[in-house]
Amino acid sequence: MKLRFLGIIPNTPIDDSPTIWLDEDSGDLLIQSYRATDEEVKKCQEIGSIPGHSTDVPDHETIIRLPAVMRKYIPQQEDGGNGDVPRT
């Protein structure tokens, strides 16, 4: 796996540091951020995603809260979002 650092929340303290990396082999993002609260998870489950899809969060997944200031570090897709490696 070849990771590239993309950004960290500006003016972050030493022990509170939402961070984002790009896996250059797969195009996946790895995100360290705040874990969603139980209330936020419940709201996400109430909204759901697509009809018929489970709203349960599997044990191998979690919901995180990414601060708005971190969105600038998310790479844009060259291909319109079909899964190719993003450009930065």
N, C-alpha and C. Protein backbone atom coordinates (compact mmCIF):
# COMPACT_ATOMS: atom_id res chain seq x y z
N MET A 1 0.86 -1.17 0.00
CA MET A 1 0.00 0.00 0.00
C MET A 1 0.90 1.23 0.00
N LYS A 2 0.63 2.12 -0.92
CA LYS A 2 1.39 3.38 -1.00
C LYS A 2 0.47 4.51 -0.56
N LEU A 3 0.72 5.02 0.65
CA LEU A 3 -0.12 6.10 1.19
C LEU A 3 0.52 7.46 0.97
N ARG A 4 -0.35 8.42 0.70
CA ARG A 4 0.10 9.81 0.59
C ARG A 4 -0.73 10.66 1.56
N PHE A 5 -0.06 11.42 2.40
CA PHE A 5 -0.71 12.34 3.31
C PHE A 5 -1.36 13.45 2.50
N LEU A 6 -2.64 13.75 2.79
CA LEU A 6 -3.34 14.82 2.09
C LEU A 6 -3.54 16.05 2.96
N GLY A 7 -3.84 15.84 4.24
CA GLY A 7 -4.05 17.01 5.08
C GLY A 7 -4.43 16.64 6.50
N ILE A 8 -4.28 17.62 7.36
CA ILE A 8 -4.65 17.51 8.77
C ILE A 8 -5.43 18.77 9.12
N ILE A 9 -6.34 18.66 10.07
CA ILE A 9 -7.16 19.82 10.42
C ILE A 9 -6.22 20.98 10.80
N PRO A 10 -6.45 22.16 10.25
CA PRO A 10 -5.56 23.29 10.53
C PRO A 10 -5.50 23.61 12.02
N ASN A 11 -4.33 24.02 12.46
CA ASN A 11 -4.10 24.42 13.85
C ASN A 11 -4.49 23.34 14.84
N THR A 12 -4.26 22.08 14.46
CA THR A 12 -4.65 20.98 15.32
C THR A 12 -3.77 20.88 16.56
N PRO A 13 -4.38 20.58 17.70
CA PRO A 13 -3.55 20.30 18.88
C PRO A 13 -2.87 18.95 18.71
N ILE A 14 -1.92 18.65 19.55
CA ILE A 14 -1.13 17.43 19.42
C ILE A 14 -1.97 16.17 19.49
N ASP A 15 -3.01 16.15 20.32
CA ASP A 15 -3.76 14.91 20.52
C ASP A 15 -5.19 14.96 19.97
N ASP A 16 -5.49 15.83 19.07
CA ASP A 16 -6.82 15.95 18.48
C ASP A 16 -6.61 16.30 17.02
N SER A 17 -6.48 15.28 16.18
CA SER A 17 -5.92 15.57 14.86
C SER A 17 -6.60 14.83 13.71
N PRO A 18 -7.82 15.21 13.31
CA PRO A 18 -8.39 14.61 12.12
C PRO A 18 -7.42 14.74 10.94
N THR A 19 -7.19 13.62 10.27
CA THR A 19 -6.18 13.53 9.22
C THR A 19 -6.75 12.72 8.07
N ILE A 20 -6.25 12.97 6.85
CA ILE A 20 -6.72 12.23 5.69
C ILE A 20 -5.52 11.83 4.81
N TRP A 21 -5.56 10.58 4.35
CA TRP A 21 -4.52 10.03 3.48
C TRP A 21 -5.18 9.42 2.24
N LEU A 22 -4.42 9.30 1.17
CA LEU A 22 -4.86 8.66 -0.07
C LEU A 22 -4.05 7.40 -0.29
N ASP A 23 -4.72 6.26 -0.49
CA ASP A 23 -4.07 5.03 -0.91
C ASP A 23 -3.89 5.16 -2.42
N GLU A 24 -2.69 5.42 -2.84
CA GLU A 24 -2.44 5.67 -4.26
C GLU A 24 -2.60 4.42 -5.12
N ASP A 25 -2.59 3.25 -4.52
CA ASP A 25 -2.80 2.02 -5.29
C ASP A 25 -4.28 1.80 -5.62
N SER A 26 -5.16 2.09 -4.65
CA SER A 26 -6.58 1.82 -4.85
C SER A 26 -7.43 3.07 -5.08
N GLY A 27 -6.90 4.23 -4.67
CA GLY A 27 -7.69 5.46 -4.73
C GLY A 27 -8.55 5.67 -3.50
N ASP A 28 -8.51 4.73 -2.55
CA ASP A 28 -9.29 4.85 -1.33
C ASP A 28 -8.73 5.95 -0.44
N LEU A 29 -9.61 6.54 0.36
CA LEU A 29 -9.20 7.51 1.36
C LEU A 29 -9.19 6.83 2.72
N LEU A 30 -8.19 7.11 3.53
CA LEU A 30 -8.14 6.68 4.92
C LEU A 30 -8.31 7.94 5.75
N ILE A 31 -9.29 7.92 6.64
CA ILE A 31 -9.65 9.12 7.38
C ILE A 31 -9.63 8.85 8.88
N GLN A 32 -8.86 9.65 9.58
CA GLN A 32 -8.89 9.66 11.03
C GLN A 32 -9.71 10.88 11.42
N SER A 33 -10.77 10.65 12.16
CA SER A 33 -11.61 11.77 12.54
C SER A 33 -12.41 11.41 13.78
N TYR A 34 -13.36 12.24 14.11
CA TYR A 34 -14.17 12.06 15.29
C TYR A 34 -15.22 10.97 15.04
N ARG A 35 -15.35 10.06 15.99
CA ARG A 35 -16.39 9.03 15.90
C ARG A 35 -17.75 9.71 16.07
N ALA A 36 -18.70 9.34 15.23
CA ALA A 36 -20.04 9.89 15.36
C ALA A 36 -20.64 9.48 16.70
N THR A 37 -21.44 10.37 17.27
CA THR A 37 -22.10 10.06 18.53
C THR A 37 -23.23 9.07 18.28
N ASP A 38 -23.73 8.47 19.35
CA ASP A 38 -24.86 7.55 19.21
C ASP A 38 -26.06 8.25 18.58
N GLU A 39 -26.27 9.51 18.96
CA GLU A 39 -27.39 10.27 18.39
C GLU A 39 -27.19 10.49 16.88
N GLU A 40 -25.96 10.79 16.46
CA GLU A 40 -25.69 11.00 15.03
C GLU A 40 -25.87 9.70 14.25
N VAL A 41 -25.41 8.59 14.81
CA VAL A 41 -25.59 7.30 14.15
C VAL A 41 -27.08 6.98 14.00
N LYS A 42 -27.85 7.24 15.07
CA LYS A 42 -29.29 7.00 15.02
C LYS A 42 -29.94 7.83 13.92
N LYS A 43 -29.55 9.10 13.79
CA LYS A 43 -30.11 9.96 12.74
C LYS A 43 -29.75 9.43 11.36
N CYS A 44 -28.51 8.98 11.19
CA CYS A 44 -28.10 8.40 9.91
C CYS A 44 -28.95 7.17 9.58
N GLN A 45 -29.21 6.34 10.59
CA GLN A 45 -30.03 5.16 10.38
C GLN A 45 -31.47 5.53 10.05
N GLU A 46 -31.98 6.60 10.65
CA GLU A 46 -33.35 7.04 10.36
C GLU A 46 -33.47 7.51 8.91
N ILE A 47 -32.45 8.23 8.43
CA ILE A 47 -32.45 8.73 7.05
C ILE A 47 -32.23 7.58 6.07
N GLY A 48 -31.30 6.67 6.41
CA GLY A 48 -31.00 5.54 5.53
C GLY A 48 -30.24 5.97 4.30
N SER A 49 -30.19 5.10 3.32
CA SER A 49 -29.47 5.41 2.09
C SER A 49 -30.33 5.07 0.88
N ILE A 50 -30.41 3.81 0.51
CA ILE A 50 -31.27 3.43 -0.62
C ILE A 50 -32.34 2.47 -0.12
N PRO A 51 -33.50 2.48 -0.76
CA PRO A 51 -34.59 1.61 -0.30
C PRO A 51 -34.15 0.15 -0.22
N GLY A 52 -34.50 -0.50 0.89
CA GLY A 52 -34.20 -1.90 1.06
C GLY A 52 -32.82 -2.21 1.61
N HIS A 53 -31.96 -1.20 1.73
CA HIS A 53 -30.61 -1.42 2.24
C HIS A 53 -30.63 -1.30 3.76
N SER A 54 -29.92 -2.20 4.43
CA SER A 54 -29.87 -2.19 5.88
C SER A 54 -29.31 -0.87 6.40
N THR A 55 -29.83 -0.42 7.54
CA THR A 55 -29.29 0.77 8.18
C THR A 55 -28.36 0.41 9.34
N ASP A 56 -28.17 -0.89 9.57
CA ASP A 56 -27.23 -1.32 10.61
C ASP A 56 -25.80 -0.98 10.20
N VAL A 57 -24.96 -0.64 11.17
CA VAL A 57 -23.54 -0.40 10.92
C VAL A 57 -22.80 -1.67 11.33
N PRO A 58 -22.23 -2.40 10.37
CA PRO A 58 -21.55 -3.64 10.70
C PRO A 58 -20.36 -3.39 11.64
N ASP A 59 -19.97 -4.44 12.37
CA ASP A 59 -18.87 -4.31 13.32
C ASP A 59 -17.57 -3.85 12.67
N HIS A 60 -17.38 -4.16 11.40
CA HIS A 60 -16.13 -3.79 10.72
C HIS A 60 -16.20 -2.38 10.10
N GLU A 61 -17.28 -1.66 10.33
CA GLU A 61 -17.44 -0.30 9.84
C GLU A 61 -17.77 0.64 10.99
N THR A 62 -17.64 1.94 10.73
CA THR A 62 -18.05 2.94 11.71
C THR A 62 -18.50 4.18 10.95
N ILE A 63 -19.18 5.07 11.61
CA ILE A 63 -19.54 6.36 11.03
C ILE A 63 -18.66 7.40 11.71
N ILE A 64 -17.98 8.21 10.91
CA ILE A 64 -17.15 9.27 11.47
C ILE A 64 -17.72 10.63 11.10
N ARG A 65 -17.34 11.63 11.85
CA ARG A 65 -17.72 13.01 11.53
C ARG A 65 -16.46 13.70 11.03
N LEU A 66 -16.47 14.12 9.78
CA LEU A 66 -15.34 14.82 9.19
C LEU A 66 -15.63 16.32 9.25
N PRO A 67 -14.82 17.10 9.96
CA PRO A 67 -15.05 18.55 10.04
C PRO A 67 -15.08 19.17 8.64
N ALA A 68 -15.95 20.15 8.45
CA ALA A 68 -16.11 20.79 7.14
C ALA A 68 -14.79 21.32 6.59
N VAL A 69 -13.93 21.81 7.45
CA VAL A 69 -12.65 22.37 7.00
C VAL A 69 -11.78 21.31 6.32
N MET A 70 -12.06 20.02 6.60
CA MET A 70 -11.27 18.94 6.02
C MET A 70 -11.71 18.58 4.60
N ARG A 71 -12.87 19.04 4.15
CA ARG A 71 -13.36 18.68 2.81
C ARG A 71 -12.42 19.14 1.72
N LYS A 72 -11.66 20.19 1.97
CA LYS A 72 -10.74 20.70 0.95
C LYS A 72 -9.65 19.70 0.61
N TYR A 73 -9.42 18.73 1.48
CA TYR A 73 -8.38 17.74 1.24
C TYR A 73 -8.88 16.52 0.46
N ILE A 74 -10.18 16.41 0.23
CA ILE A 74 -10.72 15.26 -0.49
C ILE A 74 -10.49 15.46 -1.99
N PRO A 75 -9.75 14.55 -2.63
CA PRO A 75 -9.44 14.69 -4.05
C PRO A 75 -10.71 14.61 -4.90
N GLN A 76 -10.68 15.30 -6.02
CA GLN A 76 -11.78 15.27 -6.96
C GLN A 76 -11.53 14.17 -7.99
N GLN A 77 -12.60 13.52 -8.43
CA GLN A 77 -12.49 12.46 -9.44
C GLN A 77 -12.33 13.07 -10.82
N GLU A 78 -11.39 12.55 -11.59
CA GLU A 78 -11.24 12.98 -12.99
C GLU A 78 -12.32 12.37 -13.86
N ASP A 79 -12.82 11.21 -13.46
CA ASP A 79 -13.69 10.40 -14.30
C ASP A 79 -15.17 10.56 -14.01
N GLY A 80 -15.52 11.48 -13.15
CA GLY A 80 -16.92 11.65 -12.81
C GLY A 80 -17.40 10.67 -11.76
N GLY A 81 -16.47 9.97 -11.11
CA GLY A 81 -16.85 9.14 -9.99
C GLY A 81 -17.05 7.67 -10.27
N ASN A 82 -16.40 7.12 -11.29
CA ASN A 82 -16.61 5.69 -11.56
C ASN A 82 -15.61 4.80 -10.85
N GLY A 83 -14.81 5.34 -9.93
CA GLY A 83 -13.94 4.51 -9.14
C GLY A 83 -12.47 4.56 -9.50
N ASP A 84 -12.11 5.27 -10.57
CA ASP A 84 -10.69 5.38 -10.89
C ASP A 84 -9.96 6.16 -9.80
N VAL A 85 -8.67 6.06 -9.77
CA VAL A 85 -7.86 6.76 -8.79
C VAL A 85 -8.08 8.27 -8.95
N PRO A 86 -8.37 8.97 -7.86
CA PRO A 86 -8.61 10.41 -7.95
C PRO A 86 -7.35 11.20 -8.22
N ARG A 87 -7.51 12.34 -8.80
CA ARG A 87 -6.37 13.25 -8.98
C ARG A 87 -6.39 14.22 -7.83
N THR A 88 -5.24 14.73 -7.51
CA THR A 88 -5.17 15.70 -6.42
C THR A 88 -4.49 16.96 -6.88
